[in-house]
Amino acid sequence: MKKEIENLTTSIFEKVPKQYFKNASNKGSLERFNYQMKDRLGIMHQKYALVYLPYGYDHDDKETKYNILYLMHGAMGSPEVWFGGLNARTDLKNILDQMIENDDIEPLIVVTPSYYIHGMQGMDQENQMTDDFQDEFRNYLMPLIEDKYHTFAEDISKANLIASRDHRAFGGYSMGSVTTWHAFVKNLEYIKYFMPMAADSWDYEMMGGLNHGYETAEILVNAVKSRGYMPDDFYIFTSVGDKDFTHQHVEGLVKGLNAFPDTFIFTNDFKYGNIQFEEAPGFYHDYPYGNHFIFRSLKKFFKCKKESIHMDTKVILDMNGVEIKATLNQTESAQALVKKLPYKIGVSRATDDICGVAVGTLPENKDETVNTWKLGEIGWFGGWFTILLDHEEKFTKMPDIMIIGKIDDEDLSKAKALSGSINLTIRKA
């Protein structure tokens, strides 16, 4: 079990940088949002949520649209848990301000509601309330919030709320994670990104991941297939500490989800899959740990487009006089290699690939690593330059690897025909 889970996790967990806990130069703001909702018995209730608005948000500017995250607390929590009230007595506001200021993510709105109506009433009732909240979210909270604030929903009709799901995320910690998995089952058509932290899905039974991960996963698979969705129609970033008492529950669910690779594709890069699982070393079960999970997740969900300033680069791989067309991608590693062109290296044909010890080093951004290697892809692995040419099926579950480019499909046969020692020169096409 442990070995199987290790194959699905990110090998290096990135904590929030220390400076992100300090005040940013450009600070967002917090507001209280009051609303009414009707419970499943038809009784009306007054409720509220806190709303984080990024620096520069203007209520009168209806042209600028924002991504939105709905972020749920855990058992015995409240809308104040994540931000510590309107005075922001916790670290999350500083972290969000810093992430936006440093172009880690696009500016976004964060809403912290509560699934409680009458307070905590026992774990059976907790599960029922987190499930009941799905109707509240769909029929009251989401449309009321997005009627007031400037999200990508053109209006609050069902059709336009569904149409804007690419810009909407839902996350939560502990029982908030249970709420998030319920949201996946009940409200997937409205939400594209899911951030369950430190708890499994209780859609099959309470703590179902512990002993019934497969059966729980079947319910989640059905939520996808019953709506006609494909693997690229949703993304999940799920996290737990290795010292957390929910660790085994989450691992059991992850193992269950991995039994359905046609629906849940584990990855370190959402270009190649739709679910990422991270275990944080030394993390127990407490909200401050959730800040690190939120930091990691948002960088995957709403990464700032300002970072995408590079273009793919067409190159020629000259291998012992055989010219092979290829493309270097936009990763930091690939762009650093472009600056070194023409680049010369000695490589050899091996059973599965062409590889050689790299000359010099390249920067490696772990957010850009993947765990699947495909035919023709050019990799930069721990000081080795390599190109996969055969037996792709052997490389579907790799540790963090950096793909920097790909040979053109029509030239793949040229590369496969090479043998022995090869003098490789990479130059711009």
Protein backbone atom coordinates (compact mmCIF):
# COMPACT_ATOMS: atom_id res chain seq x y z
CA MET A 1 0.00 0.00 0.00
CA LYS A 2 2.72 2.49 0.98
CA LYS A 3 4.73 1.87 -2.18
CA GLU A 4 1.62 2.21 -4.32
CA ILE A 5 0.73 5.55 -2.73
CA GLU A 6 4.28 6.85 -3.06
CA ASN A 7 4.00 6.36 -6.81
CA LEU A 8 1.05 8.78 -6.84
CA THR A 9 2.46 11.57 -4.72
CA THR A 10 4.62 14.58 -5.43
CA SER A 11 8.08 13.80 -4.11
CA ILE A 12 8.87 17.31 -2.86
CA PHE A 13 6.26 19.26 -0.90
CA GLU A 14 6.58 23.03 -1.27
CA LYS A 15 5.66 25.13 1.77
CA VAL A 16 4.52 28.73 1.64
CA PRO A 17 7.62 30.98 1.44
CA LYS A 18 8.30 32.70 4.78
CA GLN A 19 7.99 36.16 3.28
CA TYR A 20 4.42 35.41 2.21
CA PHE A 21 3.30 35.54 5.84
CA LYS A 22 4.19 39.25 5.92
CA ASN A 23 2.01 42.12 4.75
CA ALA A 24 2.08 42.69 1.00
CA SER A 25 2.41 46.16 -0.50
CA ASN A 26 -0.91 45.76 -2.28
CA LYS A 27 -3.50 44.49 0.18
CA GLY A 28 -6.88 42.98 -0.55
CA SER A 29 -9.92 43.51 1.66
CA LEU A 30 -12.53 41.47 3.52
CA GLU A 31 -16.29 41.96 3.56
CA ARG A 32 -19.22 40.28 5.29
CA PHE A 33 -21.93 38.98 2.96
CA ASN A 34 -25.37 38.36 4.49
CA TYR A 35 -27.95 36.16 2.82
CA GLN A 36 -31.05 34.07 3.42
CA MET A 37 -31.54 30.42 2.59
CA LYS A 38 -34.27 27.83 2.99
CA ASP A 39 -33.36 24.43 4.47
CA ARG A 40 -34.71 21.06 3.32
CA LEU A 41 -37.66 21.44 5.71
CA GLY A 42 -38.63 24.74 4.12
CA ILE A 43 -37.49 26.90 7.04
CA MET A 44 -35.78 30.21 6.22
CA HIS A 45 -32.45 31.06 7.90
CA GLN A 46 -30.21 34.10 8.04
CA LYS A 47 -26.61 33.25 7.19
CA TYR A 48 -23.39 34.99 6.22
CA ALA A 49 -19.99 34.42 4.63
CA LEU A 50 -16.75 36.36 4.56
CA VAL A 51 -15.51 37.50 1.16
CA TYR A 52 -11.89 38.25 0.26
CA LEU A 53 -11.52 40.79 -2.56
CA PRO A 54 -8.12 41.22 -4.21
CA TYR A 55 -6.25 44.51 -4.34
CA GLY A 56 -7.76 46.77 -6.98
CA TYR A 57 -11.20 45.21 -6.93
CA ASP A 58 -13.77 47.86 -7.87
CA HIS A 59 -17.47 47.19 -7.29
CA ASP A 60 -18.26 49.62 -10.12
CA ASP A 61 -15.93 47.96 -12.63
CA LYS A 62 -18.16 45.37 -14.27
CA GLU A 63 -15.72 44.65 -17.08
CA THR A 64 -13.00 43.00 -14.99
CA LYS A 65 -13.88 39.39 -14.15
CA TYR A 66 -12.42 37.27 -11.35
CA ASN A 67 -11.92 33.59 -10.62
CA ILE A 68 -13.62 32.49 -7.41
CA LEU A 69 -12.84 29.97 -4.66
CA TYR A 70 -15.43 28.81 -2.12
CA LEU A 71 -13.47 27.67 0.93
CA MET A 72 -15.12 25.65 3.72
CA HIS A 73 -14.09 25.21 7.36
CA GLY A 74 -14.04 21.96 9.35
CA ALA A 75 -16.02 20.66 12.32
CA MET A 76 -16.86 23.30 14.96
CA GLY A 77 -15.74 26.00 12.51
CA SER A 78 -17.34 29.16 11.17
CA PRO A 79 -16.93 31.62 8.28
CA GLU A 80 -14.26 33.37 10.40
CA VAL A 81 -11.93 30.34 10.65
CA TRP A 82 -9.83 30.95 7.53
CA PHE A 83 -9.39 34.72 7.86
CA GLY A 84 -9.83 35.19 11.60
CA GLY A 85 -12.68 37.63 11.04
CA LEU A 86 -12.80 40.89 9.11
CA ASN A 87 -9.58 42.03 10.82
CA ALA A 88 -7.67 39.13 9.23
CA ARG A 89 -6.07 37.73 12.37
CA THR A 90 -4.83 34.63 10.52
CA ASP A 91 -2.16 34.24 7.81
CA LEU A 92 -4.31 33.40 4.80
CA LYS A 93 -5.05 36.97 3.73
CA ASN A 94 -1.34 37.85 3.64
CA ILE A 95 -0.64 34.68 1.67
CA LEU A 96 -3.30 35.50 -0.93
CA ASP A 97 -2.13 39.12 -1.16
CA GLN A 98 1.47 37.98 -1.67
CA MET A 99 0.57 35.34 -4.25
CA ILE A 100 -1.32 37.90 -6.32
CA GLU A 101 1.34 40.59 -5.90
CA ASN A 102 4.07 38.15 -6.96
CA ASP A 103 2.11 36.92 -9.99
CA ASP A 104 1.82 33.37 -8.64
CA ILE A 105 -1.91 33.43 -9.35
CA GLU A 106 -4.42 35.66 -11.07
CA PRO A 107 -6.41 37.92 -8.72
CA LEU A 108 -9.35 35.98 -7.31
CA ILE A 109 -12.30 36.23 -4.94
CA VAL A 110 -12.42 33.86 -1.96
CA VAL A 111 -15.68 33.14 -0.12
CA THR A 112 -15.69 31.42 3.29
CA PRO A 113 -19.22 30.25 4.17
CA SER A 114 -20.45 27.70 6.72
CA TYR A 115 -22.46 24.53 6.35
CA TYR A 116 -23.83 25.04 9.89
CA ILE A 117 -27.32 26.30 10.58
CA HIS A 118 -27.66 25.38 14.26
CA GLY A 119 -24.06 24.50 15.14
CA MET A 120 -22.38 21.15 15.65
CA GLN A 121 -24.74 18.27 16.51
CA GLY A 122 -22.62 15.11 16.21
CA MET A 123 -20.68 13.47 13.38
CA ASP A 124 -23.73 11.83 11.75
CA GLN A 125 -25.36 15.24 11.57
CA GLU A 126 -22.10 16.80 10.38
CA ASN A 127 -22.11 14.55 7.32
CA GLN A 128 -25.78 15.33 6.68
CA MET A 129 -25.16 19.07 6.97
CA THR A 130 -22.20 19.02 4.59
CA ASP A 131 -24.39 17.14 2.13
CA ASP A 132 -27.36 19.48 2.64
CA PHE A 133 -25.05 22.42 2.02
CA GLN A 134 -24.85 21.38 -1.64
CA ASP A 135 -28.41 22.56 -2.22
CA GLU A 136 -27.69 25.77 -0.33
CA PHE A 137 -24.59 26.38 -2.44
CA ARG A 138 -26.37 25.73 -5.72
CA ASN A 139 -29.64 27.55 -5.00
CA TYR A 140 -28.62 30.40 -2.70
CA LEU A 141 -24.96 31.09 -1.91
CA MET A 142 -23.37 30.81 -5.38
CA PRO A 143 -26.02 32.76 -7.31
CA LEU A 144 -26.31 35.46 -4.64
CA ILE A 145 -22.54 35.90 -4.34
CA GLU A 146 -21.98 35.95 -8.08
CA ASP A 147 -24.85 38.36 -8.61
CA LYS A 148 -23.06 40.89 -6.39
CA TYR A 149 -19.40 40.24 -7.21
CA HIS A 150 -17.72 40.31 -10.61
CA THR A 151 -17.05 36.68 -11.55
CA PHE A 152 -17.07 35.13 -15.02
CA ALA A 153 -20.78 34.30 -14.79
CA GLU A 154 -22.58 36.54 -17.27
CA ASP A 155 -25.67 36.29 -15.09
CA ILE A 156 -26.94 33.92 -12.40
CA SER A 157 -29.07 31.72 -14.63
CA LYS A 158 -28.33 28.03 -14.31
CA ALA A 159 -26.98 27.97 -17.87
CA ASN A 160 -24.48 30.78 -17.28
CA LEU A 161 -23.39 29.52 -13.88
CA ILE A 162 -22.59 26.19 -15.55
CA ALA A 163 -20.92 27.95 -18.49
CA SER A 164 -18.53 29.75 -16.09
CA ARG A 165 -17.44 26.63 -14.17
CA ASP A 166 -13.90 26.88 -15.60
CA HIS A 167 -13.35 29.85 -13.28
CA ARG A 168 -14.82 28.35 -10.09
CA ALA A 169 -13.15 26.26 -7.38
CA PHE A 170 -14.37 24.65 -4.18
CA GLY A 171 -12.15 23.57 -1.31
CA GLY A 172 -12.22 22.75 2.36
CA TYR A 173 -10.28 21.33 5.28
CA SER A 174 -11.30 18.33 7.42
CA MET A 175 -15.15 18.31 7.33
CA GLY A 176 -14.70 21.03 4.71
CA SER A 177 -12.92 18.39 2.66
CA VAL A 178 -15.91 16.08 3.12
CA THR A 179 -18.05 19.01 1.90
CA THR A 180 -15.75 19.35 -1.12
CA TRP A 181 -16.15 15.70 -2.11
CA HIS A 182 -19.94 16.09 -1.72
CA ALA A 183 -19.68 19.10 -4.04
CA PHE A 184 -17.92 16.91 -6.59
CA VAL A 185 -20.85 14.48 -6.54
CA LYS A 186 -23.70 17.01 -6.31
CA ASN A 187 -22.39 20.14 -8.07
CA LEU A 188 -19.73 19.06 -10.54
CA GLU A 189 -21.49 20.86 -13.39
CA TYR A 190 -20.87 24.19 -11.59
CA ILE A 191 -17.29 23.63 -10.43
CA LYS A 192 -14.15 22.65 -12.33
CA TYR A 193 -11.50 22.75 -9.57
CA PHE A 194 -11.63 20.86 -6.27
CA MET A 195 -9.35 21.26 -3.24
CA PRO A 196 -10.16 18.59 -0.61
CA MET A 197 -7.70 18.85 2.29
CA ALA A 198 -7.21 16.40 5.16
CA ALA A 199 -10.27 14.17 4.81
CA ASP A 200 -11.75 11.61 2.46
CA SER A 201 -15.14 11.38 0.76
CA TRP A 202 -18.09 10.25 2.91
CA ASP A 203 -20.39 9.74 -0.06
CA TYR A 204 -20.42 5.95 0.44
CA GLU A 205 -20.28 6.02 4.23
CA MET A 206 -18.66 8.03 7.01
CA MET A 207 -14.86 7.81 6.63
CA GLY A 208 -15.48 5.58 3.63
CA GLY A 209 -11.95 5.91 2.32
CA LEU A 210 -10.59 3.88 5.22
CA ASN A 211 -12.25 0.56 4.34
CA HIS A 212 -14.26 1.26 1.20
CA GLY A 213 -12.05 3.39 -1.02
CA TYR A 214 -13.03 1.48 -4.16
CA GLU A 215 -16.78 1.73 -3.51
CA THR A 216 -16.43 5.42 -2.70
CA ALA A 217 -14.46 5.97 -5.89
CA GLU A 218 -17.24 4.29 -7.87
CA ILE A 219 -19.65 6.99 -6.69
CA LEU A 220 -17.22 9.71 -7.77
CA VAL A 221 -16.72 8.03 -11.15
CA ASN A 222 -20.49 7.92 -11.64
CA ALA A 223 -20.70 11.65 -10.86
CA VAL A 224 -18.39 12.24 -13.82
CA LYS A 225 -19.83 9.76 -16.30
CA SER A 226 -23.48 10.49 -15.55
CA ARG A 227 -22.88 14.07 -16.66
CA GLY A 228 -21.02 13.03 -19.79
CA TYR A 229 -17.80 14.64 -18.61
CA MET A 230 -14.32 13.61 -19.71
CA PRO A 231 -11.10 13.57 -17.61
CA ASP A 232 -10.14 17.09 -18.71
CA ASP A 233 -13.46 18.51 -17.48
CA PHE A 234 -12.34 18.65 -13.83
CA TYR A 235 -9.21 18.88 -11.69
CA ILE A 236 -8.58 17.77 -8.11
CA PHE A 237 -5.69 18.72 -5.84
CA THR A 238 -6.01 16.65 -2.66
CA SER A 239 -3.58 16.92 0.26
CA VAL A 240 -2.96 15.48 3.71
CA GLY A 241 -0.17 15.50 6.28
CA ASP A 242 1.68 12.26 6.92
CA LYS A 243 1.06 12.76 10.68
CA ASP A 244 -2.61 13.63 10.21
CA PHE A 245 -5.13 11.21 11.77
CA THR A 246 -7.08 11.31 8.47
CA HIS A 247 -4.01 10.16 6.53
CA GLN A 248 -5.11 6.53 6.16
CA HIS A 249 -8.62 7.61 5.14
CA VAL A 250 -7.28 9.81 2.36
CA GLU A 251 -4.79 7.16 1.23
CA GLY A 252 -7.60 4.61 1.00
CA LEU A 253 -9.64 6.91 -1.19
CA VAL A 254 -6.63 7.70 -3.38
CA LYS A 255 -6.02 4.00 -3.87
CA GLY A 256 -9.67 3.59 -4.86
CA LEU A 257 -9.54 6.45 -7.34
CA ASN A 258 -6.38 5.04 -8.89
CA ALA A 259 -8.39 1.92 -9.79
CA PHE A 260 -10.24 4.04 -12.38
CA PRO A 261 -7.46 5.48 -14.58
CA ASP A 262 -9.89 6.23 -17.40
CA THR A 263 -11.51 8.85 -15.14
CA PHE A 264 -8.90 9.83 -12.51
CA ILE A 265 -5.42 10.33 -13.96
CA PHE A 266 -2.80 11.00 -11.27
CA THR A 267 -0.17 13.53 -12.25
CA ASN A 268 2.14 16.30 -11.08
CA ASP A 269 1.12 18.46 -14.03
CA PHE A 270 -2.48 19.10 -15.02
CA LYS A 271 -1.38 19.09 -18.65
CA TYR A 272 -1.11 15.32 -18.34
CA GLY A 273 -3.78 14.36 -15.80
CA ASN A 274 -6.56 15.61 -13.58
CA ILE A 275 -5.76 14.68 -10.00
CA GLN A 276 -2.74 15.48 -7.87
CA PHE A 277 -2.17 13.94 -4.44
CA GLU A 278 0.33 15.40 -1.98
CA GLU A 279 1.48 14.16 1.41
CA ALA A 280 3.07 16.86 3.55
CA PRO A 281 5.87 15.54 5.79
CA GLY A 282 5.41 16.37 9.47
CA PHE A 283 1.95 17.90 9.05
CA TYR A 284 -0.72 17.12 11.65
CA HIS A 285 -4.43 18.01 11.57
CA ASP A 286 -4.79 21.76 12.08
CA TYR A 287 -5.87 24.76 10.01
CA PRO A 288 -2.44 26.43 9.70
CA TYR A 289 -1.27 23.43 7.67
CA GLY A 290 -4.16 24.09 5.30
CA ASN A 291 -2.56 27.39 4.26
CA HIS A 292 0.24 25.45 2.60
CA PHE A 293 -2.24 23.20 0.79
CA ILE A 294 -4.20 26.23 -0.44
CA PHE A 295 -0.98 27.82 -1.66
CA ARG A 296 -0.06 24.71 -3.62
CA SER A 297 -3.54 24.19 -5.05
CA LEU A 298 -4.18 27.73 -6.22
CA LYS A 299 -0.87 27.78 -8.09
CA LYS A 300 -2.18 24.81 -10.07
CA PHE A 301 -5.74 26.09 -10.53
CA PHE A 302 -5.35 29.78 -11.30
CA LYS A 303 -1.71 30.27 -12.24
CA CYS A 304 -0.98 33.79 -13.42
CA LYS A 305 -1.00 34.00 -17.21
CA LYS A 306 1.72 36.64 -17.05
CA GLU A 307 4.19 33.79 -16.58
CA SER A 308 3.40 32.38 -20.02
CA ILE A 309 5.66 34.80 -21.85
CA HIS A 310 7.78 32.27 -23.73
CA MET A 311 7.00 30.67 -27.05
CA ASP A 312 7.78 27.13 -28.18
CA THR A 313 11.10 26.99 -30.02
CA LYS A 314 11.63 24.94 -33.19
CA VAL A 315 15.02 23.22 -33.22
CA ILE A 316 17.08 20.74 -35.20
CA LEU A 317 18.70 17.78 -33.46
CA ASP A 318 21.78 16.93 -35.53
CA MET A 319 22.71 13.35 -34.60
CA ASN A 320 25.80 12.14 -36.44
CA GLY A 321 24.67 14.18 -39.44
CA VAL A 322 21.03 12.99 -39.29
CA GLU A 323 18.81 16.05 -38.88
CA ILE A 324 15.70 15.53 -36.75
CA LYS A 325 13.09 18.26 -36.26
CA ALA A 326 11.91 18.92 -32.71
CA THR A 327 10.28 21.55 -30.54
CA LEU A 328 11.43 22.83 -27.15
CA ASN A 329 8.52 23.83 -24.90
CA GLN A 330 7.84 26.74 -22.54
CA THR A 331 9.19 25.22 -19.31
CA GLU A 332 11.92 27.12 -17.47
CA SER A 333 14.35 24.30 -18.23
CA ALA A 334 13.64 24.36 -21.97
CA GLN A 335 13.88 28.13 -22.18
CA ALA A 336 17.22 28.04 -20.35
CA LEU A 337 18.46 25.47 -22.88
CA VAL A 338 17.38 27.74 -25.75
CA LYS A 339 19.77 30.37 -24.40
CA LYS A 340 22.62 27.83 -24.61
CA LEU A 341 22.04 26.96 -28.30
CA PRO A 342 23.85 25.62 -30.16
CA TYR A 343 24.22 22.93 -27.50
CA LYS A 344 26.50 19.91 -27.94
CA ILE A 345 26.38 16.66 -25.99
CA GLY A 346 27.52 13.06 -26.38
CA VAL A 347 24.66 10.55 -26.18
CA SER A 348 24.09 6.84 -26.87
CA ARG A 349 21.26 4.69 -28.15
CA ALA A 350 19.93 2.51 -25.33
CA THR A 351 17.10 -0.03 -25.21
CA ASP A 352 14.32 2.50 -24.64
CA ASP A 353 15.91 5.86 -25.33
CA ILE A 354 18.77 8.02 -26.45
CA CYS A 355 20.53 9.44 -23.41
CA GLY A 356 23.71 11.08 -22.19
CA VAL A 357 25.13 12.96 -19.21
CA ALA A 358 24.18 16.60 -19.63
CA VAL A 359 26.74 19.34 -20.07
CA GLY A 360 26.02 22.04 -17.50
CA THR A 361 22.82 22.48 -15.51
CA LEU A 362 19.36 23.85 -16.14
CA PRO A 363 16.87 25.32 -13.65
CA GLU A 364 14.07 22.90 -12.75
CA ASN A 365 10.69 24.20 -11.57
CA LYS A 366 9.06 21.33 -9.68
CA ASP A 367 5.62 22.73 -10.56
CA GLU A 368 6.44 21.85 -14.19
CA THR A 369 7.45 18.25 -13.58
CA VAL A 370 5.27 15.33 -14.68
CA ASN A 371 5.13 11.59 -13.97
CA THR A 372 4.38 10.26 -17.45
CA TRP A 373 6.92 10.01 -20.30
CA LYS A 374 5.71 9.58 -23.86
CA LEU A 375 7.36 8.56 -27.14
CA GLY A 376 9.47 11.26 -28.72
CA GLU A 377 9.52 13.44 -25.61
CA ILE A 378 12.81 15.04 -24.64
CA GLY A 379 13.57 14.83 -20.94
CA TRP A 380 16.03 16.42 -18.55
CA PHE A 381 16.27 14.01 -15.62
CA GLY A 382 18.69 14.56 -12.78
CA GLY A 383 21.55 15.68 -15.00
CA TRP A 384 20.70 13.41 -17.93
CA PHE A 385 19.49 14.46 -21.38
CA THR A 386 17.24 11.78 -22.84
CA ILE A 387 14.67 11.05 -25.57
CA LEU A 388 12.15 8.22 -25.21
CA LEU A 389 11.95 6.05 -28.35
CA ASP A 390 10.42 2.73 -27.29
CA HIS A 391 8.24 1.01 -24.65
CA GLU A 392 6.15 3.99 -23.59
CA GLU A 393 4.00 1.69 -21.43
CA LYS A 394 6.90 1.29 -18.98
CA PHE A 395 6.97 4.98 -18.12
CA THR A 396 3.41 5.86 -17.08
CA LYS A 397 4.25 6.24 -13.38
CA MET A 398 7.56 8.01 -13.01
CA PRO A 399 8.93 10.16 -10.18
CA ASP A 400 9.09 13.88 -10.93
CA ILE A 401 10.52 14.29 -14.44
CA MET A 402 11.08 17.36 -16.56
CA ILE A 403 9.90 17.23 -20.17
CA ILE A 404 11.54 20.00 -22.19
CA GLY A 405 10.38 19.19 -25.70
CA LYS A 406 9.39 16.63 -28.30
CA ILE A 407 10.65 15.23 -31.59
CA ASP A 408 8.29 15.84 -34.52
CA ASP A 409 6.21 12.70 -35.12
CA GLU A 410 7.36 12.34 -38.73
CA ASP A 411 11.02 12.24 -37.65
CA LEU A 412 10.60 9.72 -34.83
CA SER A 413 11.58 6.83 -37.10
CA LYS A 414 14.88 8.58 -37.94
CA ALA A 415 15.78 8.71 -34.27
CA LYS A 416 14.78 5.08 -33.69
CA ALA A 417 17.11 3.96 -36.50
CA LEU A 418 20.20 5.41 -34.79
CA SER A 419 22.59 3.20 -32.84
CA GLY A 420 25.77 3.33 -30.82
CA SER A 421 27.49 6.54 -29.74
CA ILE A 422 26.04 9.77 -31.13
CA ASN A 423 27.38 13.30 -31.33
CA LEU A 424 24.34 15.50 -30.81
CA THR A 425 24.13 19.19 -31.62
CA ILE A 426 20.92 21.11 -30.94
CA ARG A 427 20.45 24.33 -32.91
CA LYS A 428 17.57 26.59 -33.77
CA ALA A 429 15.66 25.61 -36.90
